[in-house]
Structures are given as structure tokens and as C-alpha cells.
Amino acid sequence: MELRLTLTIDATKLEENLGMKMSPLDQKKHFSESLYNIAPSCFLPVITNQQQDKIRFLKWGLIPSWSNSNKNTKGLASIAMKSFDDKPLLQKALNDKRCITLATGFYLWKESPAGKIPYYVTLKSKEVFGIAGLWESWEEDENAVNTSCIITKKATGRLSYFPSDFPLVIKKDEQNKWLETGNTNLFLDKFFIPEIDFDYHPVNRKIIKSLDNDSKFIQMISYVVAEQTKLF
């Protein structure tokens, strides 16, 4: 199952929460309602290091600057934190093109005797949070193509229950430092929200394959019931 995100508040509340604005066109095209199933290739609400006072919507699937073309390219939905070690191209992108993706939750999955069971993960506070990421802008055929991805890490605490990496969520009071160009000490623990601050619960398996935007996807389903449905 690929990583999915949610943004379960409306545009006005998001703007008020951050003290920022988004363009009316972006709101109409990408955020006319709460988002319960943001998948790669959808548009993500993002704050970039070049426009730190504005909410933009960038296509989820980074086409990196070292790619030969943006055509017929799905792009990178995520990059693992460990991938930045000793990779100059990634380190340069980390210095030049940082961003923060806005979300209220994300889905992870775990194998069970009944198959994959998806879980919905939020902060215990249920607040909007920011995920560390990278962005890129292409100019090709006189069209601007703006893409982004999120950075993930292997869980070691509360979320180690899941086998997949999870989004690198930045503390609210550290987000400006994350966006500062020239700040190279970015992967220190002080920047990121501890895993103990997250809650999670099992949800409907339909989220695994569906692209529908449905509030039912975040509603809790009993783990026992979820496993038994496989038998009937």
C-alpha cells in the first residue's frame, strides 16, 4: 500500500491556523472540501523555502533536478532519511529546495492473518502538522511543473508497530528553521515530533485501493472485525 495523507479541515481554518493564504484558484481546484485520501499524483498543500508566507499546491511526485525530463515520469512520492547519507545530489536538493507538506493524518498498514490492515495515524492533539520534504520546479514546453515529495524514516518507538517508514513530522516551532537555507543540521531529533505523540487506529481496507474522497476512511473499525471480514 502506498502512503496516503489527509487534510480534514477546510481552507479557511487552515489559513487561520497558519496565518497564511492560498490562491483562490488553488483552493477551487485542489481544496474545495476536506481531503481524506490524498495519494501520490494528487496535489499537496505545501510551504516552500522560497515562499514561506504562502500555501501552494504542488503535484505529489518529485521530479528531481537531475532527471532528464518531466514527461512520462511518475516522480518520487517519498525519500527515506537514510538515503541522504553520502549522496551529493540529494544533499544539494535538501539545501536548496526544502518544503513542508501540511496534513492532519496519514495511513500506514500492517500485515495480519487476514491480509493488510490499514491504520489511520494522527497527532494526539489532532492538530495540523507539517511533514519535511523537497520540491522542484520545471519549465518545459512553456509550462511550469511544480512537484514535491515527503521525507520518511524508520520508526523506532510507538510507530515501530508498522513495517513501513513513516513521514518525518516537524515540530511546529521548528518549521521556520527547517525552511532556512544554509541550515545543514536538519536531521536532529529536536526538529521532529516524538512518536509517542501519535495515535492510530485500524480503518476500512477500501482505502488501500480506492481513490475516493470519503470521510468514512478515517473512522475506526475493530481490528477483530476487520480480520473476520476476510472469512465471509
Protein backbone atom coordinates (compact mmCIF):
# COMPACT_ATOMS: atom_id res chain seq x y z
CA MET A 1 0.00 0.00 0.00
CA GLU A 2 1.38 3.39 -0.97
CA LEU A 3 1.44 6.19 1.57
CA ARG A 4 -1.70 8.34 1.77
CA LEU A 5 -2.32 11.62 3.63
CA THR A 6 -5.35 13.54 4.89
CA LEU A 7 -6.21 17.19 5.47
CA THR A 8 -9.51 17.08 7.32
CA ILE A 9 -10.17 20.78 7.89
CA ASP A 10 -11.46 23.39 5.47
CA ALA A 11 -9.40 26.01 3.67
CA THR A 12 -10.47 28.90 5.91
CA LYS A 13 -9.45 27.10 9.10
CA LEU A 14 -6.14 26.06 7.55
CA GLU A 15 -5.35 29.65 6.60
CA GLU A 16 -6.31 30.86 10.06
CA ASN A 17 -4.26 28.13 11.71
CA LEU A 18 -1.11 29.08 9.78
CA GLY A 19 -1.69 32.79 9.31
CA MET A 20 -1.19 32.31 5.57
CA LYS A 21 -3.23 32.48 2.40
CA MET A 22 -3.66 30.26 -0.63
CA SER A 23 -4.73 31.41 -4.06
CA PRO A 24 -8.48 31.24 -4.77
CA LEU A 25 -7.69 29.21 -7.90
CA ASP A 26 -5.71 26.62 -5.92
CA GLN A 27 -8.49 26.37 -3.38
CA LYS A 28 -11.11 25.85 -6.08
CA LYS A 29 -9.06 23.24 -7.96
CA HIS A 30 -7.47 21.30 -5.12
CA PHE A 31 -9.09 22.08 -1.76
CA SER A 32 -12.79 22.79 -2.20
CA GLU A 33 -13.52 20.24 0.57
CA SER A 34 -11.71 18.33 3.29
CA LEU A 35 -9.31 15.71 1.92
CA TYR A 36 -9.48 12.16 3.30
CA ASN A 37 -7.43 10.30 0.72
CA ILE A 38 -4.50 12.21 -0.77
CA ALA A 39 -2.50 9.79 -2.90
CA PRO A 40 0.68 10.24 -4.97
CA SER A 41 -0.02 12.20 -8.19
CA CYS A 42 -2.61 14.30 -6.31
CA PHE A 43 -1.77 17.89 -5.32
CA LEU A 44 -0.34 18.51 -1.86
CA PRO A 45 -0.66 21.69 0.24
CA VAL A 46 2.94 22.83 0.64
CA ILE A 47 5.01 25.69 2.08
CA THR A 48 8.30 26.09 0.21
CA ASN A 49 11.53 27.70 1.38
CA GLN A 50 11.15 30.28 -1.39
CA GLN A 51 7.60 31.33 -0.44
CA GLN A 52 7.36 30.84 3.29
CA ASP A 53 4.25 33.00 3.70
CA LYS A 54 2.05 31.19 1.17
CA ILE A 55 0.27 27.84 0.91
CA ARG A 56 0.85 26.33 -2.54
CA PHE A 57 -0.42 23.12 -4.11
CA LEU A 58 2.29 21.01 -5.76
CA LYS A 59 1.91 17.69 -7.51
CA TRP A 60 2.91 14.80 -5.26
CA GLY A 61 5.73 13.01 -7.06
CA LEU A 62 9.08 14.82 -7.10
CA ILE A 63 10.75 15.10 -10.48
CA PRO A 64 14.30 15.88 -9.32
CA SER A 65 16.54 18.46 -10.95
CA TRP A 66 18.91 15.73 -12.16
CA SER A 67 16.17 13.97 -14.15
CA ASN A 68 16.42 14.25 -17.94
CA SER A 69 12.77 15.16 -18.42
CA ASN A 70 9.49 15.58 -16.57
CA LYS A 71 7.49 13.84 -19.28
CA ASN A 72 6.02 10.41 -18.54
CA THR A 73 7.61 10.48 -15.09
CA LYS A 74 5.63 9.42 -12.03
CA GLY A 75 8.13 11.03 -9.70
CA LEU A 76 9.24 10.20 -6.17
CA ALA A 77 6.46 10.13 -3.57
CA SER A 78 8.95 9.86 -0.71
CA ILE A 79 12.65 9.71 0.07
CA ALA A 80 13.93 7.85 3.13
CA MET A 81 16.02 9.93 5.52
CA LYS A 82 18.87 7.42 5.33
CA SER A 83 19.08 7.97 1.54
CA PHE A 84 20.67 11.40 2.07
CA ASP A 85 23.86 9.88 3.50
CA ASP A 86 26.80 10.49 1.16
CA LYS A 87 24.60 11.41 -1.82
CA PRO A 88 25.66 14.88 -3.05
CA LEU A 89 22.67 15.37 -5.38
CA LEU A 90 20.18 14.68 -2.59
CA GLN A 91 22.13 16.81 -0.15
CA LYS A 92 22.14 19.73 -2.62
CA ALA A 93 18.38 19.38 -3.08
CA LEU A 94 17.99 19.30 0.69
CA ASN A 95 19.85 22.58 0.95
CA ASP A 96 18.17 24.37 -1.97
CA LYS A 97 14.59 23.07 -2.23
CA ARG A 98 13.08 22.31 1.16
CA CYS A 99 9.38 22.33 1.81
CA ILE A 100 6.76 21.40 4.38
CA THR A 101 3.69 19.39 3.43
CA LEU A 102 0.58 20.13 5.51
CA ALA A 103 -1.58 17.28 6.80
CA THR A 104 -3.80 16.15 9.65
CA GLY A 105 -3.08 12.43 9.31
CA PHE A 106 -1.64 9.61 7.25
CA TYR A 107 -2.31 5.93 6.64
CA LEU A 108 0.07 3.07 7.39
CA TRP A 109 -0.57 -0.65 7.05
CA LYS A 110 0.33 -3.87 8.81
CA GLU A 111 0.10 -7.49 7.67
CA SER A 112 -2.28 -9.75 9.58
CA PRO A 113 -3.66 -13.30 9.12
CA ALA A 114 -6.49 -11.64 7.22
CA GLY A 115 -4.21 -9.63 4.95
CA LYS A 116 -3.18 -6.00 5.05
CA ILE A 117 -4.94 -3.87 7.67
CA PRO A 118 -4.68 -0.10 7.15
CA TYR A 119 -4.35 2.25 10.12
CA TYR A 120 -5.01 5.96 10.37
CA VAL A 121 -2.35 7.93 12.25
CA THR A 122 -2.81 11.41 13.74
CA LEU A 123 -1.26 13.55 16.43
CA LYS A 124 -2.88 13.01 19.81
CA SER A 125 -3.74 16.73 19.71
CA LYS A 126 -5.49 16.23 16.31
CA GLU A 127 -3.76 19.38 15.07
CA VAL A 128 -2.47 20.15 11.58
CA PHE A 129 1.19 19.18 11.26
CA GLY A 130 4.00 19.72 8.78
CA ILE A 131 5.99 16.96 7.06
CA ALA A 132 9.56 17.57 5.93
CA GLY A 133 10.00 17.36 2.17
CA LEU A 134 11.63 18.54 -1.04
CA TRP A 135 10.18 20.37 -4.02
CA GLU A 136 11.24 21.16 -7.57
CA SER A 137 10.08 23.41 -10.40
CA TRP A 138 10.43 22.52 -14.07
CA GLU A 139 10.00 24.71 -17.11
CA GLU A 140 9.26 22.62 -20.18
CA ASP A 141 7.22 23.41 -23.31
CA GLU A 142 6.45 26.83 -21.80
CA ASN A 143 4.65 25.20 -18.86
CA ALA A 144 5.71 25.25 -15.23
CA VAL A 145 5.60 21.86 -13.49
CA ASN A 146 5.92 22.06 -9.69
CA THR A 147 6.37 18.79 -7.81
CA SER A 148 7.20 17.69 -4.28
CA CYS A 149 7.80 14.67 -2.10
CA ILE A 150 7.95 13.90 1.60
CA ILE A 151 10.83 12.57 3.68
CA THR A 152 10.30 9.40 5.70
CA LYS A 153 12.16 7.47 8.39
CA LYS A 154 12.07 4.06 10.00
CA ALA A 155 10.04 4.02 13.20
CA THR A 156 11.83 3.07 16.40
CA GLY A 157 9.22 3.84 19.06
CA ARG A 158 5.43 3.76 19.18
CA LEU A 159 5.09 3.53 15.40
CA SER A 160 7.57 0.66 15.06
CA TYR A 161 4.42 -1.48 15.15
CA PHE A 162 4.35 -0.79 11.39
CA PRO A 163 6.87 -2.21 8.90
CA SER A 164 6.87 0.80 6.56
CA ASP A 165 8.63 4.12 7.02
CA PHE A 166 6.51 6.98 8.30
CA PRO A 167 6.51 10.73 7.46
CA LEU A 168 9.08 12.93 9.18
CA VAL A 169 6.78 15.32 11.08
CA ILE A 170 8.36 18.62 12.14
CA LYS A 171 7.62 20.34 15.44
CA LYS A 172 5.60 23.50 14.87
CA ASP A 173 8.16 25.78 16.48
CA GLU A 174 10.95 24.28 14.34
CA GLN A 175 9.29 24.65 10.93
CA ASN A 176 10.90 28.00 10.13
CA LYS A 177 14.35 26.57 10.91
CA TRP A 178 13.64 23.64 8.59
CA LEU A 179 12.93 26.07 5.76
CA GLU A 180 16.05 28.18 6.35
CA THR A 181 18.53 27.75 3.51
CA GLY A 182 22.01 27.09 4.81
CA ASN A 183 20.87 25.21 7.91
CA THR A 184 22.64 21.87 7.50
CA ASN A 185 21.85 20.24 10.87
CA LEU A 186 18.39 19.19 9.73
CA PHE A 187 18.02 15.62 10.92
CA LEU A 188 18.48 16.25 14.64
CA ASP A 189 15.82 14.78 16.91
CA LYS A 190 14.95 18.24 18.23
CA PHE A 191 13.29 19.09 14.90
CA PHE A 192 10.78 16.26 14.88
CA ILE A 193 7.71 15.25 16.86
CA PRO A 194 8.33 12.18 19.07
CA GLU A 195 6.45 9.06 18.05
CA ILE A 196 4.83 8.92 21.49
CA ASP A 197 2.75 11.96 20.46
CA PHE A 198 0.88 9.98 17.77
CA ASP A 199 -2.32 7.96 17.98
CA TYR A 200 -3.50 5.35 15.47
CA HIS A 201 -6.47 3.05 14.87
CA PRO A 202 -7.48 0.47 12.21
CA VAL A 203 -9.71 1.64 9.37
CA ASN A 204 -11.58 0.28 6.35
CA ARG A 205 -9.47 -1.76 3.91
CA LYS A 206 -11.09 0.02 0.97
CA ILE A 207 -8.58 2.84 1.45
CA ILE A 208 -5.85 0.52 0.11
CA LYS A 209 -7.13 0.63 -3.48
CA SER A 210 -9.66 3.46 -3.53
CA LEU A 211 -9.07 6.99 -4.80
CA ASP A 212 -12.41 8.22 -3.45
CA ASN A 213 -12.52 11.15 -1.02
CA ASP A 214 -14.65 9.70 1.79
CA SER A 215 -14.73 10.67 5.48
CA LYS A 216 -15.55 7.03 6.32
CA PHE A 217 -11.92 6.12 5.58
CA ILE A 218 -10.71 7.66 8.85
CA GLN A 219 -13.36 6.03 11.05
CA MET A 220 -12.20 3.28 13.38
CA ILE A 221 -13.02 -0.35 12.60
CA SER A 222 -12.47 -3.04 15.21
CA TYR A 223 -9.29 -4.99 14.45
CA VAL A 224 -11.07 -8.28 15.18
CA VAL A 225 -13.98 -7.36 12.90
CA ALA A 226 -11.56 -6.26 10.20
CA GLU A 227 -9.84 -9.66 10.27
CA GLN A 228 -13.10 -11.62 10.32
CA THR A 229 -14.45 -9.89 7.23
CA LYS A 230 -11.83 -11.80 5.24
CA LEU A 231 -13.53 -15.07 6.16
CA PHE A 232 -17.03 -14.37 4.80
